[in-house]
């Protein structure tokens, strides 16, 4: 492609579409799949560094001038977009390469220095240019919907994780309350034992008093019965509390497992969301590139 050809036919992209090196590397992994979508193989891609062609995906050899390892022509498309720092598009008639083509070239900028370090080029037959635009728009639309769904899933996962953490905290509080019940029951049993001893002592004193202490003996017997009944009731409550405590322990273990799983799910959802956001950025750039084509 000569400099005269470019100067005569250049169409500069008014949107200022640019690619940084990170996004460029991501695009490189997708280009073979994109090319494969055109079953008639009438689309090709090429890339350069600052001096030579470094990659070519061009099944029909639409642009024979692109040869990896070979220096590109000064004044050509790659030279132009790096000097101007703007993408460009050229329409070539059938007399140049045997069929009417559209060639677009985009500058690649270093992430740190913002200096041009190469270019990404695309060659496509005119009749497939519209198909490329539609494919890019469809790809971006689909990723946008996926991104929205994953963000909603991530939000739900985070909400579930918060709820599970609150539930686990409540269960731990119930466990603490159960331990306090045991402490109270121990006090009740201690009081019942002491009351029983007082009843026994009272019965002994009533017996010593003879007929005068019979009434007091009856009271002493009732005190012993009441203390024994209190002790048995406390033991019964203790048994039920132990059963409840065991159920709480099982629920607590299950809750901790669920909390861990929900945290992992939330983290995985965030990672997926970040990956889709990166793909969405690529799709957005592809859509911009398609508009230039």
C-alpha atoms as a PDB file:
ATOM      1  CA  UNK A   1       0.000   0.000   0.000  1.00  0.00           C
ATOM      2  CA  UNK A   2       1.669   3.242  -1.100  1.00  0.00           C
ATOM      3  CA  UNK A   3       1.661   6.571   0.711  1.00  0.00           C
ATOM      4  CA  UNK A   4      -0.263   8.139  -2.174  1.00  0.00           C
ATOM      5  CA  UNK A   5      -2.968   5.511  -1.859  1.00  0.00           C
ATOM      6  CA  UNK A   6      -3.362   6.231   1.842  1.00  0.00           C
ATOM      7  CA  UNK A   7      -3.411  10.003   1.455  1.00  0.00           C
ATOM      8  CA  UNK A   8      -6.062   9.730  -1.240  1.00  0.00           C
ATOM      9  CA  UNK A   9      -8.348   7.273   0.548  1.00  0.00           C
ATOM     10  CA  UNK A  10      -7.804   7.736   4.309  1.00  0.00           C
ATOM     11  CA  UNK A  11     -10.874   8.165   6.502  1.00  0.00           C
ATOM     12  CA  UNK A  12      -9.822   9.199  10.016  1.00  0.00           C
ATOM     13  CA  UNK A  13     -11.987   7.847  12.849  1.00  0.00           C
ATOM     14  CA  UNK A  14     -13.613  10.817  14.551  1.00  0.00           C
ATOM     15  CA  UNK A  15     -14.273   8.807  17.733  1.00  0.00           C
ATOM     16  CA  UNK A  16     -10.546   8.612  18.470  1.00  0.00           C
ATOM     17  CA  UNK A  17     -10.577   4.878  19.123  1.00  0.00           C
ATOM     18  CA  UNK A  18      -7.285   3.861  20.746  1.00  0.00           C
ATOM     19  CA  UNK A  19      -5.945   0.625  22.207  1.00  0.00           C
ATOM     20  CA  UNK A  20      -3.599   0.250  25.154  1.00  0.00           C
ATOM     21  CA  UNK A  21      -1.128  -2.622  25.244  1.00  0.00           C
ATOM     22  CA  UNK A  22      -3.099  -4.605  27.869  1.00  0.00           C
ATOM     23  CA  UNK A  23      -6.284  -4.471  25.822  1.00  0.00           C
ATOM     24  CA  UNK A  24      -4.297  -5.230  22.675  1.00  0.00           C
ATOM     25  CA  UNK A  25      -2.897  -8.416  24.229  1.00  0.00           C
ATOM     26  CA  UNK A  26      -6.419  -9.477  25.192  1.00  0.00           C
ATOM     27  CA  UNK A  27      -7.631  -8.830  21.660  1.00  0.00           C
ATOM     28  CA  UNK A  28      -4.858 -10.947  20.186  1.00  0.00           C
ATOM     29  CA  UNK A  29      -6.231 -14.031  21.957  1.00  0.00           C
ATOM     30  CA  UNK A  30      -9.682 -13.409  20.487  1.00  0.00           C
ATOM     31  CA  UNK A  31      -8.747 -12.582  16.889  1.00  0.00           C
ATOM     32  CA  UNK A  32      -8.412 -16.210  15.634  1.00  0.00           C
ATOM     33  CA  UNK A  33     -11.907 -16.969  16.990  1.00  0.00           C
ATOM     34  CA  UNK A  34     -13.289 -13.830  15.411  1.00  0.00           C
ATOM     35  CA  UNK A  35     -11.735 -14.707  12.066  1.00  0.00           C
ATOM     36  CA  UNK A  36     -13.196 -18.229  12.299  1.00  0.00           C
ATOM     37  CA  UNK A  37     -16.724 -16.770  12.546  1.00  0.00           C
ATOM     38  CA  UNK A  38     -16.438 -15.788   8.883  1.00  0.00           C
ATOM     39  CA  UNK A  39     -16.759 -19.170   7.225  1.00  0.00           C
ATOM     40  CA  UNK A  40     -15.833 -17.729   3.833  1.00  0.00           C
ATOM     41  CA  UNK A  41     -12.534 -16.604   5.443  1.00  0.00           C
ATOM     42  CA  UNK A  42     -12.879 -13.102   3.957  1.00  0.00           C
ATOM     43  CA  UNK A  43     -11.515 -11.281   6.991  1.00  0.00           C
ATOM     44  CA  UNK A  44      -7.950 -10.951   8.195  1.00  0.00           C
ATOM     45  CA  UNK A  45      -5.968  -9.321  10.960  1.00  0.00           C
ATOM     46  CA  UNK A  46      -2.369  -8.210  11.267  1.00  0.00           C
ATOM     47  CA  UNK A  47      -0.219  -6.481  13.875  1.00  0.00           C
ATOM     48  CA  UNK A  48       3.068  -4.593  13.876  1.00  0.00           C
ATOM     49  CA  UNK A  49       5.580  -3.290  16.347  1.00  0.00           C
ATOM     50  CA  UNK A  50       7.259   0.027  15.527  1.00  0.00           C
ATOM     51  CA  UNK A  51       9.226  -1.433  12.620  1.00  0.00           C
ATOM     52  CA  UNK A  52       7.814  -4.665  11.235  1.00  0.00           C
ATOM     53  CA  UNK A  53       4.815  -6.959  10.902  1.00  0.00           C
ATOM     54  CA  UNK A  54       4.681  -9.385  13.843  1.00  0.00           C
ATOM     55  CA  UNK A  55       1.396 -11.275  13.326  1.00  0.00           C
ATOM     56  CA  UNK A  56      -0.973 -12.154  10.502  1.00  0.00           C
ATOM     57  CA  UNK A  57      -4.290 -14.009  10.421  1.00  0.00           C
ATOM     58  CA  UNK A  58      -5.314 -13.903   6.768  1.00  0.00           C
ATOM     59  CA  UNK A  59      -6.534 -17.282   5.402  1.00  0.00           C
ATOM     60  CA  UNK A  60      -7.078 -15.982   1.829  1.00  0.00           C
ATOM     61  CA  UNK A  61      -3.971 -13.789   1.865  1.00  0.00           C
ATOM     62  CA  UNK A  62      -6.145 -10.738   1.178  1.00  0.00           C
ATOM     63  CA  UNK A  63      -3.198  -8.450   1.811  1.00  0.00           C
ATOM     64  CA  UNK A  64      -0.113 -10.159   0.460  1.00  0.00           C
ATOM     65  CA  UNK A  65       2.082  -7.224   1.499  1.00  0.00           C
ATOM     66  CA  UNK A  66       1.755  -8.331   5.143  1.00  0.00           C
ATOM     67  CA  UNK A  67       4.503 -10.820   5.982  1.00  0.00           C
ATOM     68  CA  UNK A  68       5.440 -11.403   9.653  1.00  0.00           C
ATOM     69  CA  UNK A  69       9.049 -10.418  10.286  1.00  0.00           C
ATOM     70  CA  UNK A  70       9.146  -8.108   7.275  1.00  0.00           C
ATOM     71  CA  UNK A  71       9.503  -4.331   7.780  1.00  0.00           C
ATOM     72  CA  UNK A  72       6.432  -2.340   6.828  1.00  0.00           C
ATOM     73  CA  UNK A  73       6.710   0.396   4.223  1.00  0.00           C
ATOM     74  CA  UNK A  74       7.480   3.875   5.467  1.00  0.00           C
ATOM     75  CA  UNK A  75       4.555   6.152   4.720  1.00  0.00           C
ATOM     76  CA  UNK A  76       2.217   3.155   4.865  1.00  0.00           C
ATOM     77  CA  UNK A  77      -0.790   2.602   7.109  1.00  0.00           C
ATOM     78  CA  UNK A  78       1.162   1.512  10.209  1.00  0.00           C
ATOM     79  CA  UNK A  79       3.534   4.447   9.859  1.00  0.00           C
ATOM     80  CA  UNK A  80       0.645   6.859   9.385  1.00  0.00           C
ATOM     81  CA  UNK A  81      -1.414   5.858  12.454  1.00  0.00           C
ATOM     82  CA  UNK A  82       1.614   5.863  14.785  1.00  0.00           C
ATOM     83  CA  UNK A  83       2.659   9.327  13.583  1.00  0.00           C
ATOM     84  CA  UNK A  84      -0.857  10.757  13.698  1.00  0.00           C
ATOM     85  CA  UNK A  85      -1.851   8.790  16.839  1.00  0.00           C
ATOM     86  CA  UNK A  86      -5.221   8.236  15.145  1.00  0.00           C
ATOM     87  CA  UNK A  87      -6.852   5.181  13.539  1.00  0.00           C
ATOM     88  CA  UNK A  88      -7.591   5.192   9.859  1.00  0.00           C
ATOM     89  CA  UNK A  89      -9.634   3.292   7.285  1.00  0.00           C
ATOM     90  CA  UNK A  90      -8.945   2.847   3.577  1.00  0.00           C
ATOM     91  CA  UNK A  91     -11.172   1.539   0.798  1.00  0.00           C
ATOM     92  CA  UNK A  92      -9.309  -0.312  -1.915  1.00  0.00           C
ATOM     93  CA  UNK A  93     -10.783  -1.154  -5.306  1.00  0.00           C
ATOM     94  CA  UNK A  94     -10.666  -4.608  -6.851  1.00  0.00           C
ATOM     95  CA  UNK A  95      -7.777  -3.514  -9.046  1.00  0.00           C
ATOM     96  CA  UNK A  96      -5.419  -3.412  -6.033  1.00  0.00           C
ATOM     97  CA  UNK A  97      -5.851  -6.899  -4.491  1.00  0.00           C
ATOM     98  CA  UNK A  98      -8.381  -8.596  -6.778  1.00  0.00           C
ATOM     99  CA  UNK A  99     -11.545  -7.701  -4.810  1.00  0.00           C
ATOM    100  CA  UNK A 100     -12.854  -4.568  -3.104  1.00  0.00           C
ATOM    101  CA  UNK A 101     -11.531  -4.345   0.457  1.00  0.00           C
ATOM    102  CA  UNK A 102     -11.720  -2.135   3.511  1.00  0.00           C
ATOM    103  CA  UNK A 103      -8.517  -1.891   5.521  1.00  0.00           C
ATOM    104  CA  UNK A 104      -8.442  -0.325   8.985  1.00  0.00           C
ATOM    105  CA  UNK A 105      -5.416   0.285  11.170  1.00  0.00           C
ATOM    106  CA  UNK A 106      -5.297   1.312  14.829  1.00  0.00           C
ATOM    107  CA  UNK A 107      -2.386   2.605  16.926  1.00  0.00           C
ATOM    108  CA  UNK A 108      -1.344   0.687  20.062  1.00  0.00           C
ATOM    109  CA  UNK A 109      -0.102   2.766  22.990  1.00  0.00           C
ATOM    110  CA  UNK A 110       2.169   1.784  25.873  1.00  0.00           C
ATOM    111  CA  UNK A 111       0.260   1.630  29.173  1.00  0.00           C
ATOM    112  CA  UNK A 112       2.969   3.550  31.042  1.00  0.00           C
ATOM    113  CA  UNK A 113       4.424   6.039  28.577  1.00  0.00           C
ATOM    114  CA  UNK A 114       1.364   6.513  26.323  1.00  0.00           C
ATOM    115  CA  UNK A 115       3.721   6.317  23.343  1.00  0.00           C
ATOM    116  CA  UNK A 116       2.741   4.341  20.200  1.00  0.00           C
ATOM    117  CA  UNK A 117       4.416   0.921  20.216  1.00  0.00           C
ATOM    118  CA  UNK A 118       2.704  -0.742  17.271  1.00  0.00           C
ATOM    119  CA  UNK A 119      -0.526  -1.148  15.346  1.00  0.00           C
ATOM    120  CA  UNK A 120      -3.417  -3.549  14.876  1.00  0.00           C
ATOM    121  CA  UNK A 121      -4.816  -3.883  11.381  1.00  0.00           C
ATOM    122  CA  UNK A 122      -7.947  -5.440   9.985  1.00  0.00           C
ATOM    123  CA  UNK A 123      -8.784  -6.369   6.398  1.00  0.00           C
ATOM    124  CA  UNK A 124     -12.300  -7.289   5.332  1.00  0.00           C
ATOM    125  CA  UNK A 125     -14.197  -7.548   2.086  1.00  0.00           C
ATOM    126  CA  UNK A 126     -16.743  -4.784   1.648  1.00  0.00           C
ATOM    127  CA  UNK A 127     -19.731  -7.125   1.656  1.00  0.00           C
ATOM    128  CA  UNK A 128     -18.673  -8.456   5.082  1.00  0.00           C
ATOM    129  CA  UNK A 129     -18.064  -5.049   6.667  1.00  0.00           C
ATOM    130  CA  UNK A 130     -21.709  -4.734   7.724  1.00  0.00           C
ATOM    131  CA  UNK A 131     -21.692  -8.287   9.056  1.00  0.00           C
ATOM    132  CA  UNK A 132     -18.697  -7.357  11.225  1.00  0.00           C
ATOM    133  CA  UNK A 133     -20.571  -4.372  12.638  1.00  0.00           C
ATOM    134  CA  UNK A 134     -23.616  -6.496  13.438  1.00  0.00           C
ATOM    135  CA  UNK A 135     -21.485  -9.219  15.023  1.00  0.00           C
ATOM    136  CA  UNK A 136     -19.631  -6.701  17.221  1.00  0.00           C
ATOM    137  CA  UNK A 137     -22.901  -5.056  18.275  1.00  0.00           C
ATOM    138  CA  UNK A 138     -24.444  -8.450  19.091  1.00  0.00           C
ATOM    139  CA  UNK A 139     -21.355  -9.496  21.044  1.00  0.00           C
ATOM    140  CA  UNK A 140     -21.429  -6.305  23.081  1.00  0.00           C
ATOM    141  CA  UNK A 141     -25.179  -6.575  23.711  1.00  0.00           C
ATOM    142  CA  UNK A 142     -24.853 -10.174  24.894  1.00  0.00           C
ATOM    143  CA  UNK A 143     -21.951  -9.356  27.211  1.00  0.00           C
ATOM    144  CA  UNK A 144     -23.844  -6.386  28.625  1.00  0.00           C
ATOM    145  CA  UNK A 145     -26.752  -8.668  29.545  1.00  0.00           C
ATOM    146  CA  UNK A 146     -24.381 -11.275  31.022  1.00  0.00           C
ATOM    147  CA  UNK A 147     -22.576  -8.583  33.001  1.00  0.00           C
ATOM    148  CA  UNK A 148     -25.860  -7.293  34.428  1.00  0.00           C
ATOM    149  CA  UNK A 149     -26.942 -10.828  35.405  1.00  0.00           C
ATOM    150  CA  UNK A 150     -23.597 -11.610  37.057  1.00  0.00           C
ATOM    151  CA  UNK A 151     -23.602  -8.311  38.940  1.00  0.00           C
ATOM    152  CA  UNK A 152     -27.073  -9.158  40.245  1.00  0.00           C
ATOM    153  CA  UNK A 153     -25.833 -12.634  41.241  1.00  0.00           C
ATOM    154  CA  UNK A 154     -22.809 -11.116  42.978  1.00  0.00           C
ATOM    155  CA  UNK A 155     -25.068  -8.686  44.825  1.00  0.00           C
ATOM    156  CA  UNK A 156     -27.363 -11.537  45.902  1.00  0.00           C
ATOM    157  CA  UNK A 157     -24.379 -13.635  47.003  1.00  0.00           C
ATOM    158  CA  UNK A 158     -23.071 -10.738  49.103  1.00  0.00           C
ATOM    159  CA  UNK A 159     -26.532 -10.265  50.646  1.00  0.00           C
ATOM    160  CA  UNK A 160     -26.785 -14.002  51.432  1.00  0.00           C
ATOM    161  CA  UNK A 161     -23.330 -13.917  52.987  1.00  0.00           C
ATOM    162  CA  UNK A 162     -24.342 -10.982  55.206  1.00  0.00           C
ATOM    163  CA  UNK A 163     -27.540 -12.777  56.275  1.00  0.00           C
ATOM    164  CA  UNK A 164     -25.630 -15.986  57.026  1.00  0.00           C
ATOM    165  CA  UNK A 165     -23.094 -14.104  59.112  1.00  0.00           C
ATOM    166  CA  UNK A 166     -25.929 -12.494  61.093  1.00  0.00           C
ATOM    167  CA  UNK A 167     -27.593 -15.894  61.542  1.00  0.00           C
ATOM    168  CA  UNK A 168     -24.317 -17.396  62.750  1.00  0.00           C
ATOM    169  CA  UNK A 169     -23.942 -14.553  65.237  1.00  0.00           C
ATOM    170  CA  UNK A 170     -27.485 -15.139  66.549  1.00  0.00           C
ATOM    171  CA  UNK A 171     -26.762 -18.870  66.947  1.00  0.00           C
ATOM    172  CA  UNK A 172     -23.625 -18.083  68.940  1.00  0.00           C
ATOM    173  CA  UNK A 173     -25.675 -15.791  71.164  1.00  0.00           C
ATOM    174  CA  UNK A 174     -28.191 -18.618  71.755  1.00  0.00           C
ATOM    175  CA  UNK A 175     -25.296 -20.941  72.646  1.00  0.00           C
ATOM    176  CA  UNK A 176     -24.106 -18.384  75.174  1.00  0.00           C
ATOM    177  CA  UNK A 177     -27.634 -18.169  76.634  1.00  0.00           C
ATOM    178  CA  UNK A 178     -27.777 -21.986  76.914  1.00  0.00           C
ATOM    179  CA  UNK A 179     -24.536 -21.976  78.888  1.00  0.00           C
ATOM    180  CA  UNK A 180     -26.006 -19.335  81.200  1.00  0.00           C
ATOM    181  CA  UNK A 181     -29.080 -21.564  81.738  1.00  0.00           C
ATOM    182  CA  UNK A 182     -26.779 -24.395  82.861  1.00  0.00           C
ATOM    183  CA  UNK A 183     -25.131 -22.012  85.297  1.00  0.00           C
ATOM    184  CA  UNK A 184     -28.521 -21.015  86.733  1.00  0.00           C
ATOM    185  CA  UNK A 185     -29.617 -24.661  86.981  1.00  0.00           C
ATOM    186  CA  UNK A 186     -26.475 -25.499  88.926  1.00  0.00           C
ATOM    187  CA  UNK A 187     -27.364 -22.733  91.367  1.00  0.00           C
ATOM    188  CA  UNK A 188     -30.929 -24.087  91.687  1.00  0.00           C
ATOM    189  CA  UNK A 189     -29.638 -27.610  92.386  1.00  0.00           C
ATOM    190  CA  UNK A 190     -27.226 -26.216  94.976  1.00  0.00           C
ATOM    191  CA  UNK A 191     -30.041 -24.338  96.695  1.00  0.00           C
ATOM    192  CA  UNK A 192     -32.258 -27.463  96.579  1.00  0.00           C
ATOM    193  CA  UNK A 193     -29.486 -29.537  98.207  1.00  0.00           C
ATOM    194  CA  UNK A 194     -29.020 -26.955 100.935  1.00  0.00           C
ATOM    195  CA  UNK A 195     -32.791 -26.736 101.494  1.00  0.00           C
ATOM    196  CA  UNK A 196     -32.967 -30.521 101.787  1.00  0.00           C
ATOM    197  CA  UNK A 197     -30.219 -30.468 104.421  1.00  0.00           C
ATOM    198  CA  UNK A 198     -32.073 -27.765 106.325  1.00  0.00           C
ATOM    199  CA  UNK A 199     -35.252 -29.910 106.158  1.00  0.00           C
ATOM    200  CA  UNK A 200     -33.370 -32.917 107.531  1.00  0.00           C
ATOM    201  CA  UNK A 201     -31.923 -30.874 110.372  1.00  0.00           C
ATOM    202  CA  UNK A 202     -35.364 -29.471 111.106  1.00  0.00           C
ATOM    203  CA  UNK A 203     -36.860 -32.985 111.173  1.00  0.00           C
ATOM    204  CA  UNK A 204     -34.169 -34.112 113.627  1.00  0.00           C
ATOM    205  CA  UNK A 205     -34.879 -31.189 115.918  1.00  0.00           C
ATOM    206  CA  UNK A 206     -38.645 -31.810 115.645  1.00  0.00           C
ATOM    207  CA  UNK A 207     -38.132 -35.439 116.708  1.00  0.00           C
ATOM    208  CA  UNK A 208     -36.133 -34.320 119.708  1.00  0.00           C
ATOM    209  CA  UNK A 209     -38.938 -31.982 120.752  1.00  0.00           C
ATOM    210  CA  UNK A 210     -41.412 -34.864 120.873  1.00  0.00           C
ATOM    211  CA  UNK A 211     -45.133 -34.039 120.642  1.00  0.00           C
ATOM    212  CA  UNK A 212     -44.385 -30.314 120.710  1.00  0.00           C
ATOM    213  CA  UNK A 213     -42.369 -30.609 117.491  1.00  0.00           C
ATOM    214  CA  UNK A 214     -44.802 -32.722 115.432  1.00  0.00           C
ATOM    215  CA  UNK A 215     -46.172 -29.744 113.493  1.00  0.00           C
ATOM    216  CA  UNK A 216     -42.703 -28.496 112.783  1.00  0.00           C
ATOM    217  CA  UNK A 217     -41.773 -32.009 111.603  1.00  0.00           C
ATOM    218  CA  UNK A 218     -44.572 -31.923 109.002  1.00  0.00           C
ATOM    219  CA  UNK A 219     -43.241 -28.615 107.665  1.00  0.00           C
ATOM    220  CA  UNK A 220     -39.711 -30.039 107.591  1.00  0.00           C
ATOM    221  CA  UNK A 221     -40.938 -33.025 105.523  1.00  0.00           C
ATOM    222  CA  UNK A 222     -42.659 -30.749 103.011  1.00  0.00           C
ATOM    223  CA  UNK A 223     -39.489 -28.689 102.719  1.00  0.00           C
ATOM    224  CA  UNK A 224     -37.491 -31.847 101.895  1.00  0.00           C
ATOM    225  CA  UNK A 225     -40.103 -32.899  99.290  1.00  0.00           C
ATOM    226  CA  UNK A 226     -40.069 -29.419  97.740  1.00  0.00           C
ATOM    227  CA  UNK A 227     -36.277 -29.356  97.562  1.00  0.00           C
ATOM    228  CA  UNK A 228     -36.198 -32.811  95.967  1.00  0.00           C
ATOM    229  CA  UNK A 229     -38.882 -31.787  93.465  1.00  0.00           C
ATOM    230  CA  UNK A 230     -36.927 -28.592  92.633  1.00  0.00           C
ATOM    231  CA  UNK A 231     -33.761 -30.621  92.097  1.00  0.00           C
ATOM    232  CA  UNK A 232     -35.535 -33.095  89.779  1.00  0.00           C
ATOM    233  CA  UNK A 233     -37.138 -30.242  87.838  1.00  0.00           C
ATOM    234  CA  UNK A 234     -33.731 -28.575  87.443  1.00  0.00           C
ATOM    235  CA  UNK A 235     -32.254 -31.859  86.204  1.00  0.00           C
ATOM    236  CA  UNK A 236     -35.102 -32.237  83.710  1.00  0.00           C
ATOM    237  CA  UNK A 237     -34.588 -28.690  82.438  1.00  0.00           C
ATOM    238  CA  UNK A 238     -30.873 -29.435  82.241  1.00  0.00           C
ATOM    239  CA  UNK A 239     -31.489 -32.533  80.106  1.00  0.00           C
ATOM    240  CA  UNK A 240     -33.714 -30.594  77.693  1.00  0.00           C
ATOM    241  CA  UNK A 241     -31.200 -27.765  77.599  1.00  0.00           C
ATOM    242  CA  UNK A 242     -28.429 -30.226  76.688  1.00  0.00           C
ATOM    243  CA  UNK A 243     -30.560 -31.531  73.807  1.00  0.00           C
ATOM    244  CA  UNK A 244     -31.187 -27.957  72.668  1.00  0.00           C
ATOM    245  CA  UNK A 245     -27.505 -27.133  73.024  1.00  0.00           C
ATOM    246  CA  UNK A 246     -26.570 -30.122  70.836  1.00  0.00           C
ATOM    247  CA  UNK A 247     -29.073 -29.018  68.176  1.00  0.00           C
ATOM    248  CA  UNK A 248     -27.621 -25.500  68.369  1.00  0.00           C
ATOM    249  CA  UNK A 249     -24.093 -26.904  67.995  1.00  0.00           C
ATOM    250  CA  UNK A 250     -25.105 -28.768  64.831  1.00  0.00           C
ATOM    251  CA  UNK A 251     -26.872 -25.648  63.513  1.00  0.00           C
ATOM    252  CA  UNK A 252     -23.788 -23.566  64.331  1.00  0.00           C
ATOM    253  CA  UNK A 253     -21.471 -25.915  62.410  1.00  0.00           C
ATOM    254  CA  UNK A 254     -23.878 -25.908  59.466  1.00  0.00           C
ATOM    255  CA  UNK A 255     -24.103 -22.114  59.624  1.00  0.00           C
ATOM    256  CA  UNK A 256     -20.311 -21.725  59.626  1.00  0.00           C
ATOM    257  CA  UNK A 257     -20.083 -24.035  56.616  1.00  0.00           C
ATOM    258  CA  UNK A 258     -22.776 -22.009  54.842  1.00  0.00           C
ATOM    259  CA  UNK A 259     -21.021 -18.741  55.704  1.00  0.00           C
ATOM    260  CA  UNK A 260     -17.776 -20.072  54.224  1.00  0.00           C
ATOM    261  CA  UNK A 261     -19.564 -21.320  51.096  1.00  0.00           C
ATOM    262  CA  UNK A 262     -21.402 -18.009  50.663  1.00  0.00           C
ATOM    263  CA  UNK A 263     -18.116 -16.107  51.072  1.00  0.00           C
ATOM    264  CA  UNK A 264     -16.506 -18.290  48.398  1.00  0.00           C
ATOM    265  CA  UNK A 265     -19.534 -17.805  46.145  1.00  0.00           C
ATOM    266  CA  UNK A 266     -19.430 -14.040  46.651  1.00  0.00           C
ATOM    267  CA  UNK A 267     -15.684 -13.977  45.890  1.00  0.00           C
ATOM    268  CA  UNK A 268     -16.145 -16.168  42.792  1.00  0.00           C
ATOM    269  CA  UNK A 269     -19.017 -13.964  41.590  1.00  0.00           C
ATOM    270  CA  UNK A 270     -16.825 -10.884  41.972  1.00  0.00           C
ATOM    271  CA  UNK A 271     -14.012 -12.540  40.024  1.00  0.00           C
ATOM    272  CA  UNK A 272     -16.402 -13.569  37.248  1.00  0.00           C
ATOM    273  CA  UNK A 273     -17.902 -10.091  37.232  1.00  0.00           C
ATOM    274  CA  UNK A 274     -14.426  -8.561  36.883  1.00  0.00           C
ATOM    275  CA  UNK A 275     -13.607 -10.933  34.003  1.00  0.00           C
ATOM    276  CA  UNK A 276     -16.856 -10.104  32.227  1.00  0.00           C
ATOM    277  CA  UNK A 277     -16.196  -6.391  32.754  1.00  0.00           C
ATOM    278  CA  UNK A 278     -12.839  -6.883  31.050  1.00  0.00           C
ATOM    279  CA  UNK A 279     -14.524  -8.736  28.186  1.00  0.00           C
ATOM    280  CA  UNK A 280     -17.108  -5.957  28.026  1.00  0.00           C
ATOM    281  CA  UNK A 281     -14.309  -3.412  27.659  1.00  0.00           C
ATOM    282  CA  UNK A 282     -12.892  -5.512  24.819  1.00  0.00           C
ATOM    283  CA  UNK A 283     -16.352  -5.798  23.242  1.00  0.00           C
ATOM    284  CA  UNK A 284     -16.769  -2.039  23.519  1.00  0.00           C
ATOM    285  CA  UNK A 285     -13.489  -1.520  21.697  1.00  0.00           C
ATOM    286  CA  UNK A 286     -14.448  -4.118  19.086  1.00  0.00           C
ATOM    287  CA  UNK A 287     -17.680  -2.243  18.565  1.00  0.00           C
ATOM    288  CA  UNK A 288     -15.703   0.983  18.092  1.00  0.00           C
ATOM    289  CA  UNK A 289     -13.365  -0.772  15.681  1.00  0.00           C
ATOM    290  CA  UNK A 290     -16.320  -2.146  13.741  1.00  0.00           C
ATOM    291  CA  UNK A 291     -17.703   1.362  13.403  1.00  0.00           C
ATOM    292  CA  UNK A 292     -14.458   2.429  11.750  1.00  0.00           C
ATOM    293  CA  UNK A 293     -14.735  -0.500   9.333  1.00  0.00           C
END
